C-alpha atoms as a PDB file:
ATOM      1  CA  UNK A   1     -47.161 213.131 172.811  1.00  0.00           C
ATOM      2  CA  UNK A   2     -44.119 213.868 174.644  1.00  0.00           C
ATOM      3  CA  UNK A   3     -42.471 211.202 176.662  1.00  0.00           C
ATOM      4  CA  UNK A   4     -39.944 211.423 179.346  1.00  0.00           C
ATOM      5  CA  UNK A   5     -40.435 210.104 182.740  1.00  0.00           C
ATOM      6  CA  UNK A   6     -42.647 208.453 181.155  1.00  0.00           C
ATOM      7  CA  UNK A   7     -44.224 211.324 179.476  1.00  0.00           C
ATOM      8  CA  UNK A   8     -45.090 212.485 175.649  1.00  0.00           C
ATOM      9  CA  UNK A   9     -45.801 214.061 173.067  1.00  0.00           C
ATOM     10  CA  UNK A  10     -48.426 213.951 174.746  1.00  0.00           C
ATOM     11  CA  UNK A  11     -49.463 214.263 176.774  1.00  0.00           C
ATOM     12  CA  UNK A  12     -48.073 211.430 178.322  1.00  0.00           C
ATOM     13  CA  UNK A  13     -48.714 209.235 181.306  1.00  0.00           C
ATOM     14  CA  UNK A  14     -48.605 211.350 184.363  1.00  0.00           C
ATOM     15  CA  UNK A  15     -48.788 208.868 187.221  1.00  0.00           C
ATOM     16  CA  UNK A  16     -46.392 206.002 188.092  1.00  0.00           C
ATOM     17  CA  UNK A  17     -47.911 202.530 187.717  1.00  0.00           C
ATOM     18  CA  UNK A  18     -48.616 200.858 190.967  1.00  0.00           C
ATOM     19  CA  UNK A  19     -47.255 197.420 190.010  1.00  0.00           C
ATOM     20  CA  UNK A  20     -45.601 195.348 187.459  1.00  0.00           C
ATOM     21  CA  UNK A  21     -47.857 193.502 185.090  1.00  0.00           C
ATOM     22  CA  UNK A  22     -46.812 190.936 182.535  1.00  0.00           C
ATOM     23  CA  UNK A  23     -48.959 191.067 179.446  1.00  0.00           C
ATOM     24  CA  UNK A  24     -49.420 188.185 177.117  1.00  0.00           C
ATOM     25  CA  UNK A  25     -50.157 188.721 173.446  1.00  0.00           C
ATOM     26  CA  UNK A  26     -48.487 191.121 171.135  1.00  0.00           C
ATOM     27  CA  UNK A  27     -44.785 191.382 171.805  1.00  0.00           C
ATOM     28  CA  UNK A  28     -43.811 194.638 173.597  1.00  0.00           C
ATOM     29  CA  UNK A  29     -41.270 195.558 170.888  1.00  0.00           C
ATOM     30  CA  UNK A  30     -44.087 195.656 168.376  1.00  0.00           C
ATOM     31  CA  UNK A  31     -46.201 197.791 170.584  1.00  0.00           C
ATOM     32  CA  UNK A  32     -43.204 200.006 171.254  1.00  0.00           C
ATOM     33  CA  UNK A  33     -42.833 200.535 167.512  1.00  0.00           C
ATOM     34  CA  UNK A  34     -46.534 201.199 167.076  1.00  0.00           C
ATOM     35  CA  UNK A  35     -46.541 203.760 169.906  1.00  0.00           C
ATOM     36  CA  UNK A  36     -43.428 205.531 168.392  1.00  0.00           C
ATOM     37  CA  UNK A  37     -45.160 205.696 165.036  1.00  0.00           C
ATOM     38  CA  UNK A  38     -48.393 206.958 166.354  1.00  0.00           C
ATOM     39  CA  UNK A  39     -46.793 209.742 168.365  1.00  0.00           C
ATOM     40  CA  UNK A  40     -44.406 210.579 165.592  1.00  0.00           C
ATOM     41  CA  UNK A  41     -47.254 211.001 163.120  1.00  0.00           C
ATOM     42  CA  UNK A  42     -49.164 213.195 165.638  1.00  0.00           C
ATOM     43  CA  UNK A  43     -47.281 216.271 164.375  1.00  0.00           C
ATOM     44  CA  UNK A  44     -48.300 215.491 160.786  1.00  0.00           C
ATOM     45  CA  UNK A  45     -51.953 215.157 161.920  1.00  0.00           C
ATOM     46  CA  UNK A  46     -51.758 218.493 163.678  1.00  0.00           C
ATOM     47  CA  UNK A  47     -50.454 220.162 160.469  1.00  0.00           C
ATOM     48  CA  UNK A  48     -53.241 218.563 158.453  1.00  0.00           C
ATOM     49  CA  UNK A  49     -55.875 219.462 160.990  1.00  0.00           C
ATOM     50  CA  UNK A  50     -54.831 223.170 161.236  1.00  0.00           C
ATOM     51  CA  UNK A  51     -55.098 223.413 157.506  1.00  0.00           C
ATOM     52  CA  UNK A  52     -58.855 223.568 157.831  1.00  0.00           C
ATOM     53  CA  UNK A  53     -59.636 224.284 161.475  1.00  0.00           C
ATOM     54  CA  UNK A  54     -58.426 226.788 164.092  1.00  0.00           C
ATOM     55  CA  UNK A  55     -55.685 225.512 166.440  1.00  0.00           C
ATOM     56  CA  UNK A  56     -58.035 225.637 169.461  1.00  0.00           C
ATOM     57  CA  UNK A  57     -60.579 223.560 167.490  1.00  0.00           C
ATOM     58  CA  UNK A  58     -57.936 221.050 166.604  1.00  0.00           C
ATOM     59  CA  UNK A  59     -56.947 220.802 170.242  1.00  0.00           C
ATOM     60  CA  UNK A  60     -60.509 220.526 171.470  1.00  0.00           C
ATOM     61  CA  UNK A  61     -61.172 217.716 168.999  1.00  0.00           C
ATOM     62  CA  UNK A  62     -58.083 215.959 170.086  1.00  0.00           C
ATOM     63  CA  UNK A  63     -58.970 216.084 173.705  1.00  0.00           C
ATOM     64  CA  UNK A  64     -62.571 215.183 173.090  1.00  0.00           C
ATOM     65  CA  UNK A  65     -61.809 211.967 171.115  1.00  0.00           C
ATOM     66  CA  UNK A  66     -58.943 211.076 173.445  1.00  0.00           C
ATOM     67  CA  UNK A  67     -61.228 211.380 176.434  1.00  0.00           C
ATOM     68  CA  UNK A  68     -63.809 209.244 174.669  1.00  0.00           C
ATOM     69  CA  UNK A  69     -61.292 206.421 174.207  1.00  0.00           C
ATOM     70  CA  UNK A  70     -60.320 206.517 177.935  1.00  0.00           C
ATOM     71  CA  UNK A  71     -63.946 206.638 178.970  1.00  0.00           C
ATOM     72  CA  UNK A  72     -64.596 203.377 177.028  1.00  0.00           C
ATOM     73  CA  UNK A  73     -61.561 201.848 178.585  1.00  0.00           C
ATOM     74  CA  UNK A  74     -62.740 202.823 182.042  1.00  0.00           C
ATOM     75  CA  UNK A  75     -66.216 201.370 181.322  1.00  0.00           C
ATOM     76  CA  UNK A  76     -64.698 198.096 180.131  1.00  0.00           C
ATOM     77  CA  UNK A  77     -62.408 197.851 183.154  1.00  0.00           C
ATOM     78  CA  UNK A  78     -65.194 199.024 185.480  1.00  0.00           C
ATOM     79  CA  UNK A  79     -62.958 201.892 186.784  1.00  0.00           C
ATOM     80  CA  UNK A  80     -64.332 205.068 188.274  1.00  0.00           C
ATOM     81  CA  UNK A  81     -63.383 208.647 188.262  1.00  0.00           C
ATOM     82  CA  UNK A  82     -61.404 209.861 191.292  1.00  0.00           C
ATOM     83  CA  UNK A  83     -63.104 211.500 194.202  1.00  0.00           C
ATOM     84  CA  UNK A  84     -62.148 214.430 196.485  1.00  0.00           C
ATOM     85  CA  UNK A  85     -62.135 218.138 195.652  1.00  0.00           C
ATOM     86  CA  UNK A  86     -58.387 218.504 196.321  1.00  0.00           C
ATOM     87  CA  UNK A  87     -57.636 215.679 193.838  1.00  0.00           C
ATOM     88  CA  UNK A  88     -59.792 217.289 191.161  1.00  0.00           C
ATOM     89  CA  UNK A  89     -58.136 220.661 191.796  1.00  0.00           C
ATOM     90  CA  UNK A  90     -54.673 219.144 191.298  1.00  0.00           C
ATOM     91  CA  UNK A  91     -55.865 217.332 188.232  1.00  0.00           C
ATOM     92  CA  UNK A  92     -57.266 220.573 186.790  1.00  0.00           C
ATOM     93  CA  UNK A  93     -53.727 222.107 186.985  1.00  0.00           C
ATOM     94  CA  UNK A  94     -52.214 218.971 185.570  1.00  0.00           C
ATOM     95  CA  UNK A  95     -54.724 219.060 182.732  1.00  0.00           C
ATOM     96  CA  UNK A  96     -53.733 222.587 181.808  1.00  0.00           C
ATOM     97  CA  UNK A  97     -49.922 222.024 182.052  1.00  0.00           C
ATOM     98  CA  UNK A  98     -49.822 218.570 180.378  1.00  0.00           C
ATOM     99  CA  UNK A  99     -52.675 218.725 177.957  1.00  0.00           C
ATOM    100  CA  UNK A 100     -54.543 221.989 177.230  1.00  0.00           C
ATOM    101  CA  UNK A 101     -51.535 224.283 177.102  1.00  0.00           C
ATOM    102  CA  UNK A 102     -48.935 222.230 175.192  1.00  0.00           C
ATOM    103  CA  UNK A 103     -51.461 220.803 172.809  1.00  0.00           C
ATOM    104  CA  UNK A 104     -52.630 224.269 171.935  1.00  0.00           C
ATOM    105  CA  UNK A 105     -49.129 225.664 171.636  1.00  0.00           C
ATOM    106  CA  UNK A 106     -48.125 222.924 169.316  1.00  0.00           C
ATOM    107  CA  UNK A 107     -51.213 223.471 167.161  1.00  0.00           C
ATOM    108  CA  UNK A 108     -50.552 227.202 166.929  1.00  0.00           C
ATOM    109  CA  UNK A 109     -46.860 226.687 166.297  1.00  0.00           C
ATOM    110  CA  UNK A 110     -47.537 224.520 163.206  1.00  0.00           C
ATOM    111  CA  UNK A 111     -49.300 227.485 161.537  1.00  0.00           C
ATOM    112  CA  UNK A 112     -45.861 228.909 160.833  1.00  0.00           C
ATOM    113  CA  UNK A 113     -43.353 226.114 161.330  1.00  0.00           C
ATOM    114  CA  UNK A 114     -43.012 222.681 159.670  1.00  0.00           C
ATOM    115  CA  UNK A 115     -44.286 219.662 161.552  1.00  0.00           C
ATOM    116  CA  UNK A 116     -40.674 218.316 161.391  1.00  0.00           C
ATOM    117  CA  UNK A 117     -39.426 221.192 163.539  1.00  0.00           C
ATOM    118  CA  UNK A 118     -42.324 220.866 165.944  1.00  0.00           C
ATOM    119  CA  UNK A 119     -41.443 217.220 166.418  1.00  0.00           C
ATOM    120  CA  UNK A 120     -37.808 218.019 167.073  1.00  0.00           C
ATOM    121  CA  UNK A 121     -38.715 220.686 169.552  1.00  0.00           C
ATOM    122  CA  UNK A 122     -40.839 218.100 171.362  1.00  0.00           C
ATOM    123  CA  UNK A 123     -37.639 216.010 171.904  1.00  0.00           C
ATOM    124  CA  UNK A 124     -36.267 218.776 174.167  1.00  0.00           C
ATOM    125  CA  UNK A 125     -38.713 217.821 176.912  1.00  0.00           C
ATOM    126  CA  UNK A 126     -36.282 215.434 178.609  1.00  0.00           C
ATOM    127  CA  UNK A 127     -33.687 218.229 178.656  1.00  0.00           C
ATOM    128  CA  UNK A 128     -36.073 220.727 180.204  1.00  0.00           C
ATOM    129  CA  UNK A 129     -37.266 218.076 182.653  1.00  0.00           C
ATOM    130  CA  UNK A 130     -33.737 217.159 183.794  1.00  0.00           C
ATOM    131  CA  UNK A 131     -32.835 220.849 184.276  1.00  0.00           C
ATOM    132  CA  UNK A 132     -36.012 221.570 186.256  1.00  0.00           C
ATOM    133  CA  UNK A 133     -35.883 218.417 188.322  1.00  0.00           C
ATOM    134  CA  UNK A 134     -32.382 219.250 189.541  1.00  0.00           C
ATOM    135  CA  UNK A 135     -33.744 222.484 190.849  1.00  0.00           C
ATOM    136  CA  UNK A 136     -37.241 221.558 192.026  1.00  0.00           C
ATOM    137  CA  UNK A 137     -36.707 217.963 193.276  1.00  0.00           C
ATOM    138  CA  UNK A 138     -34.258 217.485 196.149  1.00  0.00           C
ATOM    139  CA  UNK A 139     -33.671 213.845 195.253  1.00  0.00           C
ATOM    140  CA  UNK A 140     -32.370 214.727 191.768  1.00  0.00           C
ATOM    141  CA  UNK A 141     -28.829 216.015 192.224  1.00  0.00           C
ATOM    142  CA  UNK A 142     -26.708 217.390 189.425  1.00  0.00           C
ATOM    143  CA  UNK A 143     -23.910 215.121 188.235  1.00  0.00           C
ATOM    144  CA  UNK A 144     -21.214 215.587 185.669  1.00  0.00           C
ATOM    145  CA  UNK A 145     -23.094 213.220 183.406  1.00  0.00           C
ATOM    146  CA  UNK A 146     -26.346 215.174 183.610  1.00  0.00           C
ATOM    147  CA  UNK A 147     -24.708 218.583 183.241  1.00  0.00           C
ATOM    148  CA  UNK A 148     -22.763 217.239 180.229  1.00  0.00           C
ATOM    149  CA  UNK A 149     -25.937 215.801 178.678  1.00  0.00           C
ATOM    150  CA  UNK A 150     -27.802 219.105 179.206  1.00  0.00           C
ATOM    151  CA  UNK A 151     -24.950 221.053 177.613  1.00  0.00           C
ATOM    152  CA  UNK A 152     -24.858 218.777 174.584  1.00  0.00           C
ATOM    153  CA  UNK A 153     -28.607 218.816 174.280  1.00  0.00           C
ATOM    154  CA  UNK A 154     -29.008 222.556 174.183  1.00  0.00           C
ATOM    155  CA  UNK A 155     -26.027 222.760 171.818  1.00  0.00           C
ATOM    156  CA  UNK A 156     -28.197 220.548 169.542  1.00  0.00           C
ATOM    157  CA  UNK A 157     -31.155 223.009 170.011  1.00  0.00           C
ATOM    158  CA  UNK A 158     -28.980 225.856 168.803  1.00  0.00           C
ATOM    159  CA  UNK A 159     -27.876 223.681 165.802  1.00  0.00           C
ATOM    160  CA  UNK A 160     -31.523 222.985 164.870  1.00  0.00           C
ATOM    161  CA  UNK A 161     -32.326 226.676 165.152  1.00  0.00           C
ATOM    162  CA  UNK A 162     -29.298 227.797 163.089  1.00  0.00           C
ATOM    163  CA  UNK A 163     -27.816 230.109 165.809  1.00  0.00           C
ATOM    164  CA  UNK A 164     -24.835 231.001 163.620  1.00  0.00           C
ATOM    165  CA  UNK A 165     -27.116 232.461 161.044  1.00  0.00           C
ATOM    166  CA  UNK A 166     -28.722 234.693 163.629  1.00  0.00           C
ATOM    167  CA  UNK A 167     -32.003 232.703 163.407  1.00  0.00           C
ATOM    168  CA  UNK A 168     -32.761 234.537 160.164  1.00  0.00           C
ATOM    169  CA  UNK A 169     -34.315 231.493 158.507  1.00  0.00           C
ATOM    170  CA  UNK A 170     -36.592 230.706 161.495  1.00  0.00           C
ATOM    171  CA  UNK A 171     -40.070 231.763 162.454  1.00  0.00           C
ATOM    172  CA  UNK A 172     -39.293 232.881 166.016  1.00  0.00           C
ATOM    173  CA  UNK A 173     -42.935 232.905 167.187  1.00  0.00           C
ATOM    174  CA  UNK A 174     -43.781 229.489 166.039  1.00  0.00           C
ATOM    175  CA  UNK A 175     -40.586 227.919 167.295  1.00  0.00           C
ATOM    176  CA  UNK A 176     -40.886 229.597 170.626  1.00  0.00           C
ATOM    177  CA  UNK A 177     -44.433 228.225 171.117  1.00  0.00           C
ATOM    178  CA  UNK A 178     -43.212 224.712 170.242  1.00  0.00           C
ATOM    179  CA  UNK A 179     -40.387 225.014 172.763  1.00  0.00           C
ATOM    180  CA  UNK A 180     -42.662 226.337 175.407  1.00  0.00           C
ATOM    181  CA  UNK A 181     -44.999 223.445 174.773  1.00  0.00           C
ATOM    182  CA  UNK A 182     -42.110 221.109 175.408  1.00  0.00           C
ATOM    183  CA  UNK A 183     -41.217 222.970 178.586  1.00  0.00           C
ATOM    184  CA  UNK A 184     -44.751 222.773 179.843  1.00  0.00           C
ATOM    185  CA  UNK A 185     -44.607 218.927 180.073  1.00  0.00           C
ATOM    186  CA  UNK A 186     -41.864 218.657 182.654  1.00  0.00           C
ATOM    187  CA  UNK A 187     -43.439 221.513 184.661  1.00  0.00           C
ATOM    188  CA  UNK A 188     -46.583 219.481 184.752  1.00  0.00           C
ATOM    189  CA  UNK A 189     -44.757 216.208 185.637  1.00  0.00           C
ATOM    190  CA  UNK A 190     -43.030 217.889 188.572  1.00  0.00           C
ATOM    191  CA  UNK A 191     -46.325 219.326 189.787  1.00  0.00           C
ATOM    192  CA  UNK A 192     -47.984 215.921 189.551  1.00  0.00           C
ATOM    193  CA  UNK A 193     -45.109 214.240 191.301  1.00  0.00           C
ATOM    194  CA  UNK A 194     -45.397 216.678 194.200  1.00  0.00           C
ATOM    195  CA  UNK A 195     -49.212 216.558 194.531  1.00  0.00           C
ATOM    196  CA  UNK A 196     -50.564 213.252 193.188  1.00  0.00           C
ATOM    197  CA  UNK A 197     -47.780 210.798 193.792  1.00  0.00           C
ATOM    198  CA  UNK A 198     -49.025 207.862 195.826  1.00  0.00           C
ATOM    199  CA  UNK A 199     -52.655 208.463 195.021  1.00  0.00           C
ATOM    200  CA  UNK A 200     -54.914 205.468 195.750  1.00  0.00           C
ATOM    201  CA  UNK A 201     -56.696 205.988 192.435  1.00  0.00           C
ATOM    202  CA  UNK A 202     -55.696 204.011 189.345  1.00  0.00           C
ATOM    203  CA  UNK A 203     -53.589 205.506 186.600  1.00  0.00           C
ATOM    204  CA  UNK A 204     -56.509 205.178 184.205  1.00  0.00           C
ATOM    205  CA  UNK A 205     -58.897 206.880 186.573  1.00  0.00           C
ATOM    206  CA  UNK A 206     -56.550 209.888 187.095  1.00  0.00           C
ATOM    207  CA  UNK A 207     -55.627 210.212 183.464  1.00  0.00           C
ATOM    208  CA  UNK A 208     -59.204 209.908 182.278  1.00  0.00           C
ATOM    209  CA  UNK A 209     -60.235 212.701 184.733  1.00  0.00           C
ATOM    210  CA  UNK A 210     -57.311 214.736 183.667  1.00  0.00           C
ATOM    211  CA  UNK A 211     -58.211 214.603 179.898  1.00  0.00           C
ATOM    212  CA  UNK A 212     -61.795 215.280 180.881  1.00  0.00           C
ATOM    213  CA  UNK A 213     -60.809 218.484 182.661  1.00  0.00           C
ATOM    214  CA  UNK A 214     -58.607 219.503 179.786  1.00  0.00           C
ATOM    215  CA  UNK A 215     -61.508 219.026 177.373  1.00  0.00           C
ATOM    216  CA  UNK A 216     -63.689 221.233 179.613  1.00  0.00           C
ATOM    217  CA  UNK A 217     -60.950 223.927 179.632  1.00  0.00           C
ATOM    218  CA  UNK A 218     -60.800 223.932 175.801  1.00  0.00           C
ATOM    219  CA  UNK A 219     -64.589 223.805 175.537  1.00  0.00           C
ATOM    220  CA  UNK A 220     -64.696 227.120 177.434  1.00  0.00           C
ATOM    221  CA  UNK A 221     -61.777 228.751 175.613  1.00  0.00           C
ATOM    222  CA  UNK A 222     -62.513 227.657 172.029  1.00  0.00           C
ATOM    223  CA  UNK A 223     -65.773 229.539 171.493  1.00  0.00           C
ATOM    224  CA  UNK A 224     -64.175 232.711 172.806  1.00  0.00           C
ATOM    225  CA  UNK A 225     -61.398 232.785 170.176  1.00  0.00           C
ATOM    226  CA  UNK A 226     -62.833 230.906 167.224  1.00  0.00           C
ATOM    227  CA  UNK A 227     -66.024 230.783 165.217  1.00  0.00           C
ATOM    228  CA  UNK A 228     -67.833 227.612 164.153  1.00  0.00           C
ATOM    229  CA  UNK A 229     -66.503 226.318 160.839  1.00  0.00           C
ATOM    230  CA  UNK A 230     -68.896 226.712 157.945  1.00  0.00           C
ATOM    231  CA  UNK A 231     -67.670 223.439 156.427  1.00  0.00           C
ATOM    232  CA  UNK A 232     -66.041 220.287 157.686  1.00  0.00           C
ATOM    233  CA  UNK A 233     -63.446 219.039 155.153  1.00  0.00           C
ATOM    234  CA  UNK A 234     -63.198 215.296 155.494  1.00  0.00           C
ATOM    235  CA  UNK A 235     -59.366 214.738 155.486  1.00  0.00           C
ATOM    236  CA  UNK A 236     -58.561 217.404 158.197  1.00  0.00           C
ATOM    237  CA  UNK A 237     -61.541 216.099 160.226  1.00  0.00           C
ATOM    238  CA  UNK A 238     -60.177 212.559 160.123  1.00  0.00           C
ATOM    239  CA  UNK A 239     -56.826 213.885 161.040  1.00  0.00           C
ATOM    240  CA  UNK A 240     -58.296 215.423 164.189  1.00  0.00           C
ATOM    241  CA  UNK A 241     -60.214 212.241 165.025  1.00  0.00           C
ATOM    242  CA  UNK A 242     -57.079 210.157 164.615  1.00  0.00           C
ATOM    243  CA  UNK A 243     -54.999 212.683 166.631  1.00  0.00           C
ATOM    244  CA  UNK A 244     -57.363 212.327 169.505  1.00  0.00           C
ATOM    245  CA  UNK A 245     -58.413 208.671 169.364  1.00  0.00           C
ATOM    246  CA  UNK A 246     -55.059 207.224 168.342  1.00  0.00           C
ATOM    247  CA  UNK A 247     -52.410 209.851 169.232  1.00  0.00           C
ATOM    248  CA  UNK A 248     -53.894 210.638 172.660  1.00  0.00           C
ATOM    249  CA  UNK A 249     -56.321 208.011 174.062  1.00  0.00           C
ATOM    250  CA  UNK A 250     -55.008 204.839 172.421  1.00  0.00           C
ATOM    251  CA  UNK A 251     -51.358 205.924 172.810  1.00  0.00           C
ATOM    252  CA  UNK A 252     -51.769 206.558 176.572  1.00  0.00           C
ATOM    253  CA  UNK A 253     -53.324 203.140 177.117  1.00  0.00           C
ATOM    254  CA  UNK A 254     -50.477 201.527 175.117  1.00  0.00           C
ATOM    255  CA  UNK A 255     -47.780 203.303 177.061  1.00  0.00           C
ATOM    256  CA  UNK A 256     -49.219 202.350 180.335  1.00  0.00           C
ATOM    257  CA  UNK A 257     -49.090 198.671 179.212  1.00  0.00           C
ATOM    258  CA  UNK A 258     -45.431 199.158 178.192  1.00  0.00           C
ATOM    259  CA  UNK A 259     -44.484 200.818 181.516  1.00  0.00           C
ATOM    260  CA  UNK A 260     -46.210 197.993 183.459  1.00  0.00           C
ATOM    261  CA  UNK A 261     -44.448 195.279 181.392  1.00  0.00           C
ATOM    262  CA  UNK A 262     -40.974 196.546 180.708  1.00  0.00           C
ATOM    263  CA  UNK A 263     -40.592 199.463 183.183  1.00  0.00           C
ATOM    264  CA  UNK A 264     -40.529 203.274 182.757  1.00  0.00           C
ATOM    265  CA  UNK A 265     -36.885 203.416 181.686  1.00  0.00           C
ATOM    266  CA  UNK A 266     -37.353 201.309 178.629  1.00  0.00           C
ATOM    267  CA  UNK A 267     -40.805 202.659 177.879  1.00  0.00           C
ATOM    268  CA  UNK A 268     -39.551 206.251 177.852  1.00  0.00           C
ATOM    269  CA  UNK A 269     -37.037 205.438 175.182  1.00  0.00           C
ATOM    270  CA  UNK A 270     -39.902 206.053 172.743  1.00  0.00           C
ATOM    271  CA  UNK A 271     -38.984 209.688 173.172  1.00  0.00           C
ATOM    272  CA  UNK A 272     -35.915 209.242 170.967  1.00  0.00           C
ATOM    273  CA  UNK A 273     -37.912 207.818 168.075  1.00  0.00           C
ATOM    274  CA  UNK A 274     -40.628 210.417 167.909  1.00  0.00           C
ATOM    275  CA  UNK A 275     -38.610 213.131 166.173  1.00  0.00           C
ATOM    276  CA  UNK A 276     -37.140 210.643 163.696  1.00  0.00           C
ATOM    277  CA  UNK A 277     -40.645 209.482 162.708  1.00  0.00           C
ATOM    278  CA  UNK A 278     -42.011 213.041 162.746  1.00  0.00           C
ATOM    279  CA  UNK A 279     -39.257 214.208 160.404  1.00  0.00           C
ATOM    280  CA  UNK A 280     -39.696 211.265 158.067  1.00  0.00           C
ATOM    281  CA  UNK A 281     -43.475 211.790 157.949  1.00  0.00           C
ATOM    282  CA  UNK A 282     -43.176 215.478 157.325  1.00  0.00           C
ATOM    283  CA  UNK A 283     -40.728 215.084 154.489  1.00  0.00           C
ATOM    284  CA  UNK A 284     -42.443 212.056 152.840  1.00  0.00           C
ATOM    285  CA  UNK A 285     -46.088 212.994 153.232  1.00  0.00           C
ATOM    286  CA  UNK A 286     -46.151 216.765 153.447  1.00  0.00           C
ATOM    287  CA  UNK A 287     -43.022 217.377 151.267  1.00  0.00           C
ATOM    288  CA  UNK A 288     -41.408 219.576 153.933  1.00  0.00           C
ATOM    289  CA  UNK A 289     -37.883 220.721 153.211  1.00  0.00           C
ATOM    290  CA  UNK A 290     -34.938 220.036 155.477  1.00  0.00           C
ATOM    291  CA  UNK A 291     -31.690 221.874 155.767  1.00  0.00           C
ATOM    292  CA  UNK A 292     -28.646 219.882 156.971  1.00  0.00           C
ATOM    293  CA  UNK A 293     -28.662 221.406 160.458  1.00  0.00           C
ATOM    294  CA  UNK A 294     -32.119 220.161 161.306  1.00  0.00           C
ATOM    295  CA  UNK A 295     -31.456 216.410 161.338  1.00  0.00           C
ATOM    296  CA  UNK A 296     -27.911 216.965 162.669  1.00  0.00           C
ATOM    297  CA  UNK A 297     -29.124 219.196 165.530  1.00  0.00           C
ATOM    298  CA  UNK A 298     -31.889 216.632 166.301  1.00  0.00           C
ATOM    299  CA  UNK A 299     -29.322 213.866 166.661  1.00  0.00           C
ATOM    300  CA  UNK A 300     -27.244 216.084 169.054  1.00  0.00           C
ATOM    301  CA  UNK A 301     -30.450 216.809 171.107  1.00  0.00           C
ATOM    302  CA  UNK A 302     -31.264 213.118 171.352  1.00  0.00           C
ATOM    303  CA  UNK A 303     -27.697 212.245 172.308  1.00  0.00           C
ATOM    304  CA  UNK A 304     -27.721 214.912 175.090  1.00  0.00           C
ATOM    305  CA  UNK A 305     -31.073 213.731 176.361  1.00  0.00           C
ATOM    306  CA  UNK A 306     -29.912 210.116 176.460  1.00  0.00           C
ATOM    307  CA  UNK A 307     -26.721 211.082 178.270  1.00  0.00           C
ATOM    308  CA  UNK A 308     -28.493 213.258 180.870  1.00  0.00           C
ATOM    309  CA  UNK A 309     -30.971 210.404 181.747  1.00  0.00           C
ATOM    310  CA  UNK A 310     -28.329 207.606 181.714  1.00  0.00           C
ATOM    311  CA  UNK A 311     -26.870 206.163 184.833  1.00  0.00           C
ATOM    312  CA  UNK A 312     -23.252 205.057 185.321  1.00  0.00           C
ATOM    313  CA  UNK A 313     -22.748 201.369 185.808  1.00  0.00           C
ATOM    314  CA  UNK A 314     -22.011 200.420 189.392  1.00  0.00           C
ATOM    315  CA  UNK A 315     -18.717 198.618 189.864  1.00  0.00           C
ATOM    316  CA  UNK A 316     -18.839 195.247 191.525  1.00  0.00           C
ATOM    317  CA  UNK A 317     -17.185 195.131 194.915  1.00  0.00           C
ATOM    318  CA  UNK A 318     -13.605 193.765 194.818  1.00  0.00           C
ATOM    319  CA  UNK A 319     -13.272 190.223 195.959  1.00  0.00           C
ATOM    320  CA  UNK A 320     -10.906 189.717 198.953  1.00  0.00           C
END
């Protein structure tokens, strides 16, 4: 769901494509808009799903149906799961940090906060990622542009949270879980970059195995903290199915195609459209209320994230 480097929402792609592939068919801009919409609506689907099912159940369903989509894709492409105990151990950690933990935190957060706020919190992932990468990755050095972007972005976070009001109108627990979910993504990306970069396995193979492991993790945890539902309301059930099949499995496949065709820099721009669509969906469909500081703060967050990830234009060498 999260995208940055290329990410979200969403688990997001966790491995760099091995080559550039030009796809024919549907224009990439249309697929970009579809991906933004799917990931933006994911927060609404979480809200609807948790209206009838426990958060862990929603997360398990999401991972189950997302894994099923990737399994079908692997079968069609005749791809296989990766081999090697060390690879599977690294994937288990990645599955926890990039899928099981953030998906569960977002589901629990939306028990007490609007889906619009959860979507905006998700937009802070690029800021967390930039801050962490400057510390954990030696090749990412702090620059004035990045530091300024981080400062502006976190000023936007304080605006969204209404810091001048003492956070009095805010559910601290739910908001903290959404922010922790957003922080979990870049931690997972850095871990993957350190342990699985350069793997000989395909992106589809690694991500399919990662989602499979996350599903197993939730299959173990869910029965310990929840009881089997006595009924299965149709609309929340369809929301969970769509969240998994579309918002996780299909979205990952679509983003891989975008990264291969237009590159990770352009593909990760989807990050900046997700909170806009999540906010519009929450207000229009769920009738969630917005105070002025929420959209204003979201714009400041996105501006800071864009600035922190931008690169200065290189000046052409002076002609003699």
